[in-house]
Amino acid sequence: MNTSSQWDDFRVVLAIAESGSLSGAARILGVNHATVYRRLEKLETRAGVRLFERAASGYAMTPTGEAIAERAKRMRDTVADAERYLLGQAASLTGTLRLTTTDALLNAAMPVLAEFRRAHPCIVLEITTSSERHNLTRRDADVALRPTANPPEHWIGKSLGVIRQAIYAARGMAVNADTPWVGPDVVMGYRTLERWMEDEDVASLVGVRADSTIGMASAIRAGMGQGVLPCYLADPISDLQRLGKPIPALETPLWLLTHPDLRRAASVRALFEAFSQSFSLP
């Protein structure tokens, strides 16, 4: 029995269950669409039972599929728990450390990370900036640099300050009541900004939507409209002009977070110390 191969098949089932589609599962697993389809077909043929009903709207789990997905989730969580325990016991500054953050914050944090790597060359940093909120419990990441007013209660961390935001436009651009806006795409999950734009009656003026803060900044710099950006990102950009003071309603605390099981890991402690000493928001 090839246990590793079977676990890969179960991971496919779980990924389809969580994403609802083959393409979504492929993104989660880092493989192509055909590989996901082939593994699912192989597993269903071997078992002699359907795990998903195929429909135009996506893949819906059968009762057997639900049972397998639940067991696969427990398997994944058990493996993640073991990995967290091992890393949490690590006293040496070696191995891999996974950090999740946003694209804009990575830009601001890169000097700290560069210095961290110079100080600890035996630690391999894995960094992800996707809009998906990575799960520290199942060890999608070890440390999260995250803007949030409500960090999860079961995580531990350090407050790094407050992110302030303001309205910006391309330098020299004439702005009036009819000037279009650049806004966040729904995939960013940026409901705080979306609600603020609705409350300010400017949501209907959005002419460009981007799925990242860096994308929004690029569109604003190109003169495609005015928009809200973090001050730490936009203030240093010479071809942007700030239109007024930071917006109190959009102030968001910034946290560096990790799972409690990892708090004693040497690499995690070193990263927290690096941010504590060298990182600050304007």
Protein backbone atom coordinates (compact mmCIF):
# COMPACT_ATOMS: atom_id res chain seq x y z
CA MET A 1 0.00 0.00 0.00
CA ASN A 2 1.42 3.38 -1.04
CA THR A 3 0.38 5.58 1.91
CA SER A 4 1.93 8.73 0.44
CA SER A 5 0.05 8.31 -2.82
CA GLN A 6 -3.25 7.75 -1.00
CA TRP A 7 -2.71 10.87 1.11
CA ASP A 8 -2.18 12.83 -2.10
CA ASP A 9 -5.55 11.53 -3.35
CA PHE A 10 -7.25 12.53 -0.10
CA ARG A 11 -5.68 15.99 -0.33
CA VAL A 12 -7.31 16.31 -3.76
CA VAL A 13 -10.71 15.46 -2.29
CA LEU A 14 -10.25 18.01 0.50
CA ALA A 15 -9.08 20.73 -1.90
CA ILE A 16 -12.10 20.20 -4.19
CA ALA A 17 -14.41 20.19 -1.18
CA GLU A 18 -12.99 23.46 0.15
CA SER A 19 -12.84 25.26 -3.21
CA GLY A 20 -15.86 23.76 -4.97
CA SER A 21 -14.09 23.31 -8.29
CA LEU A 22 -11.20 21.54 -10.01
CA SER A 23 -9.52 24.84 -10.88
CA GLY A 24 -9.76 26.04 -7.28
CA ALA A 25 -8.31 22.75 -6.04
CA ALA A 26 -5.48 23.03 -8.57
CA ARG A 27 -4.56 26.47 -7.19
CA ILE A 28 -4.57 25.18 -3.61
CA LEU A 29 -2.40 22.19 -4.48
CA GLY A 30 -0.09 23.97 -6.91
CA VAL A 31 -0.79 21.56 -9.75
CA ASN A 32 -2.68 21.79 -13.02
CA HIS A 33 -6.37 21.17 -13.63
CA ALA A 34 -5.73 17.89 -15.47
CA THR A 35 -3.77 16.43 -12.54
CA VAL A 36 -6.64 17.11 -10.13
CA TYR A 37 -9.15 15.56 -12.55
CA ARG A 38 -6.97 12.48 -13.09
CA ARG A 39 -6.41 11.87 -9.37
CA LEU A 40 -10.11 12.24 -8.56
CA GLU A 41 -11.12 9.87 -11.38
CA LYS A 42 -8.53 7.34 -10.24
CA LEU A 43 -9.72 7.46 -6.62
CA GLU A 44 -13.41 7.16 -7.54
CA THR A 45 -12.66 4.25 -9.88
CA ARG A 46 -10.63 2.46 -7.22
CA ALA A 47 -13.33 2.97 -4.60
CA GLY A 48 -16.21 2.28 -6.98
CA VAL A 49 -18.20 5.24 -5.67
CA ARG A 50 -18.80 8.89 -6.61
CA LEU A 51 -17.34 11.46 -4.23
CA PHE A 52 -18.65 14.51 -6.10
CA GLU A 53 -21.62 15.29 -8.33
CA ARG A 54 -20.52 17.28 -11.37
CA ALA A 55 -22.61 20.34 -12.25
CA ALA A 56 -22.17 23.55 -14.21
CA SER A 57 -22.04 25.46 -10.91
CA GLY A 58 -19.20 23.33 -9.55
CA TYR A 59 -18.52 20.08 -7.72
CA ALA A 60 -20.97 19.12 -4.96
CA MET A 61 -19.97 16.47 -2.42
CA THR A 62 -21.91 13.24 -2.16
CA PRO A 63 -22.45 11.82 1.37
CA THR A 64 -19.40 9.59 0.82
CA GLY A 65 -17.41 12.61 -0.40
CA GLU A 66 -18.35 14.54 2.73
CA ALA A 67 -17.18 11.67 4.93
CA ILE A 68 -13.85 11.38 3.09
CA ALA A 69 -13.30 15.16 3.12
CA GLU A 70 -13.92 15.28 6.88
CA ARG A 71 -11.42 12.49 7.47
CA ALA A 72 -8.90 14.15 5.15
CA LYS A 73 -9.28 17.38 7.11
CA ARG A 74 -8.51 15.55 10.34
CA MET A 75 -5.47 13.95 8.70
CA ARG A 76 -4.23 17.35 7.53
CA ASP A 77 -4.79 18.91 10.95
CA THR A 78 -2.94 16.05 12.66
CA VAL A 79 0.06 16.45 10.35
CA ALA A 80 0.03 20.23 10.86
CA ASP A 81 -0.12 19.75 14.63
CA ALA A 82 2.92 17.48 14.49
CA GLU A 83 4.82 19.95 12.30
CA ARG A 84 3.99 22.83 14.65
CA TYR A 85 5.15 20.79 17.65
CA LEU A 86 8.47 19.95 16.01
CA LEU A 87 9.10 23.54 14.94
CA GLY A 88 8.07 24.76 18.37
CA GLN A 89 10.79 22.62 19.95
CA ALA A 90 13.48 23.77 17.53
CA ALA A 91 16.27 25.57 19.36
CA SER A 92 18.43 26.14 16.29
CA LEU A 93 18.10 28.99 13.80
CA THR A 94 17.66 26.70 10.82
CA GLY A 95 14.89 25.27 8.67
CA THR A 96 11.99 26.91 6.87
CA LEU A 97 9.87 29.76 8.21
CA ARG A 98 6.62 30.59 6.43
CA LEU A 99 5.38 34.20 6.49
CA THR A 100 2.07 35.43 5.11
CA THR A 101 1.29 39.12 4.59
CA THR A 102 -0.15 41.51 2.01
CA ASP A 103 1.68 42.76 -1.06
CA ALA A 104 1.85 46.32 0.26
CA LEU A 105 3.05 45.30 3.72
CA LEU A 106 5.69 43.06 2.22
CA ASN A 107 7.08 46.10 0.46
CA ALA A 108 7.32 47.92 3.81
CA ALA A 109 8.64 44.87 5.68
CA MET A 110 11.29 43.87 3.14
CA PRO A 111 14.16 45.82 4.79
CA VAL A 112 13.49 43.96 8.06
CA LEU A 113 13.28 40.63 6.26
CA ALA A 114 16.47 41.30 4.34
CA GLU A 115 18.33 42.07 7.55
CA PHE A 116 16.78 38.99 9.17
CA ARG A 117 18.13 36.79 6.36
CA ARG A 118 21.60 38.33 6.64
CA ALA A 119 21.60 37.65 10.37
CA HIS A 120 20.20 34.11 10.02
CA PRO A 121 21.33 32.70 6.65
CA CYS A 122 20.40 29.13 7.59
CA ILE A 123 16.69 30.01 7.81
CA VAL A 124 14.80 29.74 4.53
CA LEU A 125 11.97 32.27 4.32
CA GLU A 126 8.84 31.26 2.43
CA ILE A 127 6.66 34.34 1.79
CA THR A 128 3.15 34.44 0.39
CA THR A 129 1.14 37.56 -0.42
CA SER A 130 -2.07 36.07 -1.80
CA SER A 131 -5.32 37.70 -0.74
CA GLU A 132 -6.39 34.46 0.94
CA ARG A 133 -6.21 34.50 4.72
CA HIS A 134 -3.76 31.72 5.48
CA ASN A 135 -4.48 29.50 8.43
CA LEU A 136 -1.84 29.34 11.17
CA THR A 137 -3.62 26.42 12.85
CA ARG A 138 -3.19 24.10 9.88
CA ARG A 139 0.26 25.61 9.25
CA ASP A 140 -0.40 27.29 5.93
CA ALA A 141 2.02 29.78 7.51
CA ASP A 142 4.05 30.07 10.72
CA VAL A 143 3.85 33.84 11.14
CA ALA A 144 1.32 36.35 9.81
CA LEU A 145 1.93 40.08 9.36
CA ARG A 146 -1.67 41.14 9.23
CA PRO A 147 -3.80 44.29 9.46
CA THR A 148 -6.72 43.45 11.73
CA ALA A 149 -8.74 45.06 14.48
CA ASN A 150 -9.64 41.64 15.87
CA PRO A 151 -6.79 39.12 15.83
CA PRO A 152 -8.01 35.56 16.49
CA GLU A 153 -8.11 34.85 20.22
CA HIS A 154 -6.22 31.56 19.89
CA TRP A 155 -3.21 33.22 18.23
CA ILE A 156 -0.53 35.18 20.03
CA GLY A 157 1.37 38.17 18.74
CA LYS A 158 2.67 41.69 18.98
CA SER A 159 1.05 44.96 17.93
CA LEU A 160 3.29 46.88 15.51
CA GLY A 161 1.30 50.11 15.35
CA VAL A 162 -1.64 51.50 13.41
CA ILE A 163 -2.01 51.64 9.64
CA ARG A 164 -3.32 55.03 8.55
CA GLN A 165 -4.96 55.59 5.18
CA ALA A 166 -5.85 58.61 3.09
CA ILE A 167 -7.11 59.57 -0.36
CA TYR A 168 -4.47 59.91 -3.08
CA ALA A 169 -4.32 60.93 -6.73
CA ALA A 170 -1.60 61.25 -9.33
CA ARG A 171 0.50 64.34 -8.67
CA GLY A 172 -0.77 67.27 -10.71
CA MET A 173 -4.12 65.61 -11.43
CA ALA A 174 -7.08 67.99 -11.09
CA VAL A 175 -9.63 66.41 -8.75
CA ASN A 176 -13.29 67.39 -8.47
CA ALA A 177 -16.64 65.84 -7.57
CA ASP A 178 -16.78 63.95 -10.86
CA THR A 179 -13.29 62.47 -10.70
CA PRO A 180 -13.50 58.67 -10.98
CA TRP A 181 -12.30 56.39 -8.19
CA VAL A 182 -10.07 53.36 -8.00
CA GLY A 183 -11.49 50.73 -5.68
CA PRO A 184 -10.81 47.21 -4.36
CA ASP A 185 -12.00 44.17 -6.24
CA VAL A 186 -14.32 41.86 -4.31
CA VAL A 187 -11.62 39.15 -4.14
CA MET A 188 -9.60 41.39 -1.80
CA GLY A 189 -12.31 40.97 0.82
CA TYR A 190 -11.81 44.62 1.79
CA ARG A 191 -15.30 45.27 3.14
CA THR A 192 -14.15 48.10 5.44
CA LEU A 193 -13.05 50.22 2.49
CA GLU A 194 -16.06 49.18 0.41
CA ARG A 195 -18.43 50.27 3.18
CA TRP A 196 -16.60 53.57 3.62
CA MET A 197 -16.89 54.29 -0.11
CA GLU A 198 -20.60 53.44 0.03
CA ASP A 199 -21.11 55.72 3.04
CA GLU A 200 -19.27 58.54 1.25
CA ASP A 201 -21.43 58.05 -1.88
CA VAL A 202 -18.42 57.45 -4.13
CA ALA A 203 -18.87 53.71 -4.81
CA SER A 204 -20.82 54.52 -7.97
CA LEU A 205 -17.85 56.52 -9.30
CA VAL A 206 -15.47 53.55 -9.31
CA GLY A 207 -14.03 53.13 -12.79
CA VAL A 208 -11.20 50.73 -11.95
CA ARG A 209 -11.05 47.85 -9.49
CA ALA A 210 -7.85 46.03 -8.54
CA ASP A 211 -7.34 42.84 -6.58
CA SER A 212 -4.39 44.15 -4.55
CA THR A 213 -3.27 47.33 -2.84
CA ILE A 214 -0.23 47.53 -5.10
CA GLY A 215 -2.55 47.25 -8.10
CA MET A 216 -4.73 50.08 -6.78
CA ALA A 217 -1.64 52.24 -6.22
CA SER A 218 -0.45 51.59 -9.78
CA ALA A 219 -3.81 52.59 -11.23
CA ILE A 220 -3.89 55.79 -9.16
CA ARG A 221 -0.32 56.69 -10.17
CA ALA A 222 -1.34 56.21 -13.81
CA GLY A 223 -4.05 58.87 -13.41
CA MET A 224 -6.96 56.43 -13.66
CA GLY A 225 -8.69 57.95 -10.64
CA GLN A 226 -8.37 58.86 -6.99
CA GLY A 227 -8.42 56.23 -4.28
CA VAL A 228 -7.61 55.26 -0.73
CA LEU A 229 -4.14 53.90 0.02
CA PRO A 230 -2.10 53.18 3.17
CA CYS A 231 0.01 56.22 4.04
CA TYR A 232 3.13 54.08 4.64
CA LEU A 233 2.91 52.95 1.02
CA ALA A 234 1.75 56.10 -0.75
CA ASP A 235 3.51 58.95 1.08
CA PRO A 236 7.01 58.00 -0.17
CA ILE A 237 5.83 57.79 -3.81
CA SER A 238 6.80 61.11 -5.40
CA ASP A 239 4.22 61.01 -8.20
CA LEU A 240 1.30 60.68 -5.77
CA GLN A 241 -0.38 63.53 -3.90
CA ARG A 242 -2.33 63.10 -0.68
CA LEU A 243 -5.78 64.69 -0.72
CA GLY A 244 -6.42 65.55 2.90
CA LYS A 245 -5.68 64.02 6.28
CA PRO A 246 -5.77 60.29 7.13
CA ILE A 247 -9.28 58.88 7.52
CA PRO A 248 -9.96 57.87 11.16
CA ALA A 249 -12.61 55.31 10.18
CA LEU A 250 -10.03 53.38 8.15
CA GLU A 251 -7.29 53.16 10.78
CA THR A 252 -6.34 49.51 11.32
CA PRO A 253 -3.98 47.95 13.88
CA LEU A 254 -1.09 45.93 12.48
CA TRP A 255 -0.22 42.63 14.16
CA LEU A 256 2.57 40.09 13.92
CA LEU A 257 0.93 36.79 14.84
CA THR A 258 1.86 33.16 15.35
CA HIS A 259 0.32 29.99 16.72
CA PRO A 260 0.89 29.35 20.47
CA ASP A 261 2.65 26.06 19.66
CA LEU A 262 5.33 28.00 17.77
CA ARG A 263 6.07 30.74 20.28
CA ARG A 264 9.23 28.99 21.57
CA ALA A 265 10.67 28.16 18.15
CA ALA A 266 14.01 29.92 17.77
CA SER A 267 13.26 31.09 14.23
CA VAL A 268 9.88 32.54 15.21
CA ARG A 269 11.36 34.31 18.25
CA ALA A 270 14.12 35.75 16.07
CA LEU A 271 11.65 37.10 13.53
CA PHE A 272 9.53 38.72 16.24
CA GLU A 273 12.65 40.30 17.70
CA ALA A 274 13.67 41.64 14.27
CA PHE A 275 10.30 43.33 13.78
CA SER A 276 10.29 44.67 17.32
CA GLN A 277 13.68 46.32 16.82
CA SER A 278 13.52 47.57 13.24
CA PHE A 279 9.96 47.91 11.93
CA SER A 280 7.85 51.03 12.31
CA LEU A 281 4.93 52.62 10.48
CA PRO A 282 4.97 56.33 9.55
